[in-house]
Amino acid sequence: MTIEVTASGSGQVSYGGSGSHNTAKFEDSWSHTEEIGKSDYYTVSVSGDIFSSDDSQVVSCKLLIDGKVKKVKSEKSATGKYGHAFCSTF
């Protein structure tokens, strides 16, 4: 599975599944590839920098399995200073 996240500027991503949790800060875009089983669940949450952004900020997340978007729920975006996008394999 590949995680792809974006933010117009600075962002932070929280990701994990099946008992794991990780975070990373990034600029503009970030991706991570990880092996997961078919029955594993995985979640991704991305937000922008609320201190130095404005209401035009856009954040997005996408989960890809074997190079394809797993399902419609696995691609989300949000706009605004407090925008927050959440993707999962549920």
N, C-alpha and C. Protein backbone atom coordinates (compact mmCIF):
# COMPACT_ATOMS: atom_id res chain seq x y z
N MET A 1 0.84 -1.16 0.00
CA MET A 1 0.00 0.00 0.00
C MET A 1 0.89 1.23 0.00
N THR A 2 0.47 2.24 -0.73
CA THR A 2 1.17 3.51 -0.76
C THR A 2 0.25 4.60 -0.23
N ILE A 3 0.77 5.40 0.69
CA ILE A 3 0.05 6.55 1.22
C ILE A 3 0.59 7.78 0.51
N GLU A 4 -0.30 8.62 0.01
CA GLU A 4 0.09 9.89 -0.58
C GLU A 4 -0.69 11.00 0.10
N VAL A 5 0.00 12.00 0.62
CA VAL A 5 -0.67 13.15 1.24
C VAL A 5 -0.08 14.44 0.68
N THR A 6 -0.90 15.48 0.67
CA THR A 6 -0.45 16.79 0.21
C THR A 6 -1.01 17.87 1.12
N ALA A 7 -0.33 19.00 1.13
CA ALA A 7 -0.81 20.21 1.81
C ALA A 7 -0.24 21.39 1.05
N SER A 8 -1.02 22.45 0.93
CA SER A 8 -0.49 23.65 0.29
C SER A 8 0.32 24.39 1.35
N GLY A 9 1.57 23.96 1.49
CA GLY A 9 2.47 24.48 2.52
C GLY A 9 2.89 23.36 3.46
N SER A 10 2.93 23.66 4.75
CA SER A 10 3.32 22.66 5.75
C SER A 10 2.14 21.79 6.13
N GLY A 11 2.44 20.54 6.48
CA GLY A 11 1.40 19.63 6.91
C GLY A 11 1.93 18.61 7.89
N GLN A 12 0.99 17.88 8.51
CA GLN A 12 1.35 16.79 9.41
C GLN A 12 0.44 15.62 9.09
N VAL A 13 1.02 14.42 9.07
CA VAL A 13 0.26 13.21 8.80
C VAL A 13 0.42 12.25 9.97
N SER A 14 -0.68 11.61 10.35
CA SER A 14 -0.68 10.53 11.32
C SER A 14 -1.18 9.30 10.58
N TYR A 15 -0.51 8.17 10.74
CA TYR A 15 -0.88 6.98 9.99
C TYR A 15 -0.56 5.72 10.77
N GLY A 16 -1.29 4.66 10.47
CA GLY A 16 -1.02 3.38 11.11
C GLY A 16 -2.21 2.46 11.04
N GLY A 17 -2.01 1.28 11.58
CA GLY A 17 -3.06 0.28 11.61
C GLY A 17 -2.62 -0.91 12.42
N SER A 18 -3.59 -1.70 12.84
CA SER A 18 -3.31 -2.93 13.57
C SER A 18 -2.34 -2.70 14.72
N GLY A 19 -2.58 -1.66 15.51
CA GLY A 19 -1.78 -1.40 16.70
C GLY A 19 -0.58 -0.51 16.52
N SER A 20 -0.34 0.03 15.33
CA SER A 20 0.80 0.92 15.14
C SER A 20 0.31 2.34 14.89
N HIS A 21 1.16 3.32 15.23
CA HIS A 21 0.81 4.71 15.01
C HIS A 21 2.09 5.49 14.75
N ASN A 22 2.11 6.27 13.70
CA ASN A 22 3.28 7.06 13.32
C ASN A 22 2.84 8.46 12.93
N THR A 23 3.74 9.42 13.04
CA THR A 23 3.46 10.78 12.59
C THR A 23 4.67 11.31 11.81
N ALA A 24 4.40 12.24 10.93
CA ALA A 24 5.47 12.89 10.17
C ALA A 24 5.02 14.29 9.80
N LYS A 25 5.95 15.22 9.81
CA LYS A 25 5.72 16.57 9.30
C LYS A 25 6.30 16.63 7.90
N PHE A 26 5.69 17.44 7.03
CA PHE A 26 6.15 17.51 5.65
C PHE A 26 5.86 18.88 5.05
N GLU A 27 6.48 19.14 3.92
CA GLU A 27 6.23 20.35 3.12
C GLU A 27 5.67 19.92 1.77
N ASP A 28 4.51 20.41 1.41
CA ASP A 28 3.85 20.21 0.11
C ASP A 28 3.34 18.79 -0.13
N SER A 29 4.21 17.76 -0.08
CA SER A 29 3.72 16.39 -0.31
C SER A 29 4.60 15.40 0.45
N TRP A 30 4.03 14.20 0.66
CA TRP A 30 4.72 13.14 1.39
C TRP A 30 4.12 11.81 0.96
N SER A 31 4.95 10.78 0.88
CA SER A 31 4.42 9.44 0.57
C SER A 31 5.19 8.40 1.36
N HIS A 32 4.54 7.26 1.54
CA HIS A 32 5.10 6.16 2.32
C HIS A 32 4.51 4.87 1.77
N THR A 33 5.34 3.85 1.61
CA THR A 33 4.87 2.54 1.14
C THR A 33 5.08 1.52 2.25
N GLU A 34 4.07 0.67 2.44
CA GLU A 34 4.11 -0.32 3.50
C GLU A 34 3.33 -1.56 3.08
N GLU A 35 3.81 -2.72 3.47
CA GLU A 35 3.10 -3.98 3.21
C GLU A 35 1.99 -4.16 4.25
N ILE A 36 0.78 -4.45 3.78
CA ILE A 36 -0.31 -4.77 4.69
C ILE A 36 -1.03 -6.00 4.17
N GLY A 37 -1.68 -6.74 5.06
CA GLY A 37 -2.47 -7.90 4.67
C GLY A 37 -3.86 -7.49 4.23
N LYS A 38 -4.56 -8.39 3.57
CA LYS A 38 -5.89 -8.08 3.05
C LYS A 38 -6.89 -7.76 4.16
N SER A 39 -6.71 -8.35 5.35
CA SER A 39 -7.65 -8.10 6.43
C SER A 39 -7.19 -6.99 7.38
N ASP A 40 -6.01 -6.41 7.14
CA ASP A 40 -5.52 -5.32 7.99
C ASP A 40 -6.29 -4.04 7.72
N TYR A 41 -6.54 -3.28 8.78
CA TYR A 41 -7.11 -1.93 8.59
C TYR A 41 -5.99 -0.93 8.73
N TYR A 42 -6.16 0.20 8.11
CA TYR A 42 -5.13 1.23 8.11
C TYR A 42 -5.82 2.58 8.01
N THR A 43 -5.36 3.55 8.79
CA THR A 43 -5.94 4.88 8.73
C THR A 43 -4.86 5.93 8.52
N VAL A 44 -5.25 7.02 7.88
CA VAL A 44 -4.36 8.15 7.61
C VAL A 44 -5.14 9.44 7.88
N SER A 45 -4.52 10.34 8.60
CA SER A 45 -5.12 11.63 8.91
C SER A 45 -4.10 12.71 8.57
N VAL A 46 -4.51 13.71 7.80
CA VAL A 46 -3.59 14.78 7.41
C VAL A 46 -4.22 16.14 7.71
N SER A 47 -3.40 17.04 8.23
CA SER A 47 -3.85 18.40 8.50
C SER A 47 -2.74 19.37 8.11
N GLY A 48 -3.12 20.61 7.91
CA GLY A 48 -2.15 21.63 7.53
C GLY A 48 -1.65 22.39 8.75
N ASP A 49 -0.89 23.41 8.51
CA ASP A 49 -0.33 24.26 9.55
C ASP A 49 -1.34 25.34 9.91
N ILE A 50 -1.99 25.22 11.07
CA ILE A 50 -3.04 26.17 11.44
C ILE A 50 -2.47 27.52 11.86
N PHE A 51 -1.19 27.59 12.17
CA PHE A 51 -0.59 28.83 12.64
C PHE A 51 -0.13 29.75 11.51
N SER A 52 0.30 29.19 10.39
CA SER A 52 0.82 30.05 9.32
C SER A 52 0.09 29.88 8.00
N SER A 53 -1.11 29.33 8.04
CA SER A 53 -1.88 29.18 6.80
C SER A 53 -3.14 30.05 6.87
N ASP A 54 -3.90 30.02 5.78
CA ASP A 54 -5.16 30.77 5.76
C ASP A 54 -6.26 29.85 5.24
N ASP A 55 -7.43 30.42 4.97
CA ASP A 55 -8.58 29.60 4.56
C ASP A 55 -8.46 29.03 3.16
N SER A 56 -7.39 29.38 2.42
CA SER A 56 -7.21 28.81 1.08
C SER A 56 -6.39 27.52 1.10
N GLN A 57 -5.90 27.14 2.26
CA GLN A 57 -5.09 25.92 2.36
C GLN A 57 -5.90 24.68 1.97
N VAL A 58 -5.26 23.75 1.26
CA VAL A 58 -5.89 22.49 0.86
C VAL A 58 -5.01 21.34 1.32
N VAL A 59 -5.62 20.32 1.93
CA VAL A 59 -4.91 19.11 2.32
C VAL A 59 -5.63 17.92 1.68
N SER A 60 -4.88 16.83 1.41
CA SER A 60 -5.51 15.65 0.82
C SER A 60 -4.76 14.39 1.24
N CYS A 61 -5.47 13.27 1.19
CA CYS A 61 -4.85 11.96 1.42
C CYS A 61 -5.40 10.97 0.41
N LYS A 62 -4.58 9.97 0.11
CA LYS A 62 -4.97 8.93 -0.84
C LYS A 62 -4.26 7.66 -0.44
N LEU A 63 -5.00 6.54 -0.41
CA LEU A 63 -4.42 5.23 -0.18
C LEU A 63 -4.49 4.43 -1.47
N LEU A 64 -3.37 3.90 -1.91
CA LEU A 64 -3.32 3.11 -3.14
C LEU A 64 -2.88 1.69 -2.82
N ILE A 65 -3.61 0.73 -3.35
CA ILE A 65 -3.27 -0.68 -3.19
C ILE A 65 -2.88 -1.18 -4.58
N ASP A 66 -1.68 -1.72 -4.71
CA ASP A 66 -1.19 -2.20 -6.00
C ASP A 66 -1.32 -1.13 -7.09
N GLY A 67 -1.09 0.14 -6.71
CA GLY A 67 -1.10 1.22 -7.68
C GLY A 67 -2.47 1.76 -8.02
N LYS A 68 -3.54 1.27 -7.38
CA LYS A 68 -4.89 1.74 -7.67
C LYS A 68 -5.54 2.23 -6.39
N VAL A 69 -6.41 3.22 -6.49
CA VAL A 69 -7.14 3.69 -5.32
C VAL A 69 -8.03 2.55 -4.85
N LYS A 70 -7.92 2.18 -3.58
CA LYS A 70 -8.64 1.03 -3.05
C LYS A 70 -10.15 1.20 -3.16
N LYS A 71 -10.67 2.29 -2.69
CA LYS A 71 -12.09 2.60 -2.82
C LYS A 71 -12.30 4.09 -2.67
N VAL A 72 -13.48 4.54 -2.97
CA VAL A 72 -13.76 5.98 -2.96
C VAL A 72 -13.42 6.59 -1.60
N LYS A 73 -13.66 5.90 -0.50
CA LYS A 73 -13.36 6.43 0.83
C LYS A 73 -11.87 6.69 1.03
N SER A 74 -11.04 6.10 0.21
CA SER A 74 -9.60 6.21 0.44
C SER A 74 -8.96 7.42 -0.24
N GLU A 75 -9.77 8.32 -0.73
CA GLU A 75 -9.24 9.56 -1.32
C GLU A 75 -10.10 10.72 -0.84
N LYS A 76 -9.51 11.59 -0.03
CA LYS A 76 -10.26 12.71 0.55
C LYS A 76 -9.43 13.99 0.49
N SER A 77 -10.12 15.13 0.53
CA SER A 77 -9.43 16.41 0.62
C SER A 77 -10.27 17.36 1.47
N ALA A 78 -9.64 18.40 1.97
CA ALA A 78 -10.32 19.40 2.78
C ALA A 78 -9.68 20.76 2.52
N THR A 79 -10.45 21.80 2.72
CA THR A 79 -9.98 23.16 2.48
C THR A 79 -10.18 24.00 3.73
N GLY A 80 -9.29 24.92 3.96
CA GLY A 80 -9.42 25.86 5.06
C GLY A 80 -8.29 25.75 6.06
N LYS A 81 -8.17 26.76 6.88
CA LYS A 81 -7.11 26.82 7.88
C LYS A 81 -7.12 25.60 8.80
N TYR A 82 -8.30 25.11 9.13
CA TYR A 82 -8.43 23.95 10.01
C TYR A 82 -8.84 22.69 9.24
N GLY A 83 -8.57 22.67 7.94
CA GLY A 83 -8.92 21.52 7.10
C GLY A 83 -8.23 20.25 7.59
N HIS A 84 -8.95 19.15 7.47
CA HIS A 84 -8.46 17.86 7.97
C HIS A 84 -9.02 16.76 7.05
N ALA A 85 -8.16 15.93 6.49
CA ALA A 85 -8.61 14.85 5.61
C ALA A 85 -8.30 13.51 6.28
N PHE A 86 -9.22 12.57 6.17
CA PHE A 86 -9.07 11.25 6.79
C PHE A 86 -9.34 10.17 5.75
N CYS A 87 -8.42 9.22 5.62
CA CYS A 87 -8.58 8.09 4.71
C CYS A 87 -8.40 6.79 5.49
N SER A 88 -9.07 5.74 5.02
CA SER A 88 -8.92 4.44 5.70
C SER A 88 -9.17 3.31 4.71
N THR A 89 -8.75 2.11 5.11
CA THR A 89 -9.00 0.93 4.28
C THR A 89 -10.28 0.23 4.69
N PHE A 90 -11.08 0.81 5.61
CA PHE A 90 -12.35 0.20 6.04
C PHE A 90 -13.29 0.09 4.88
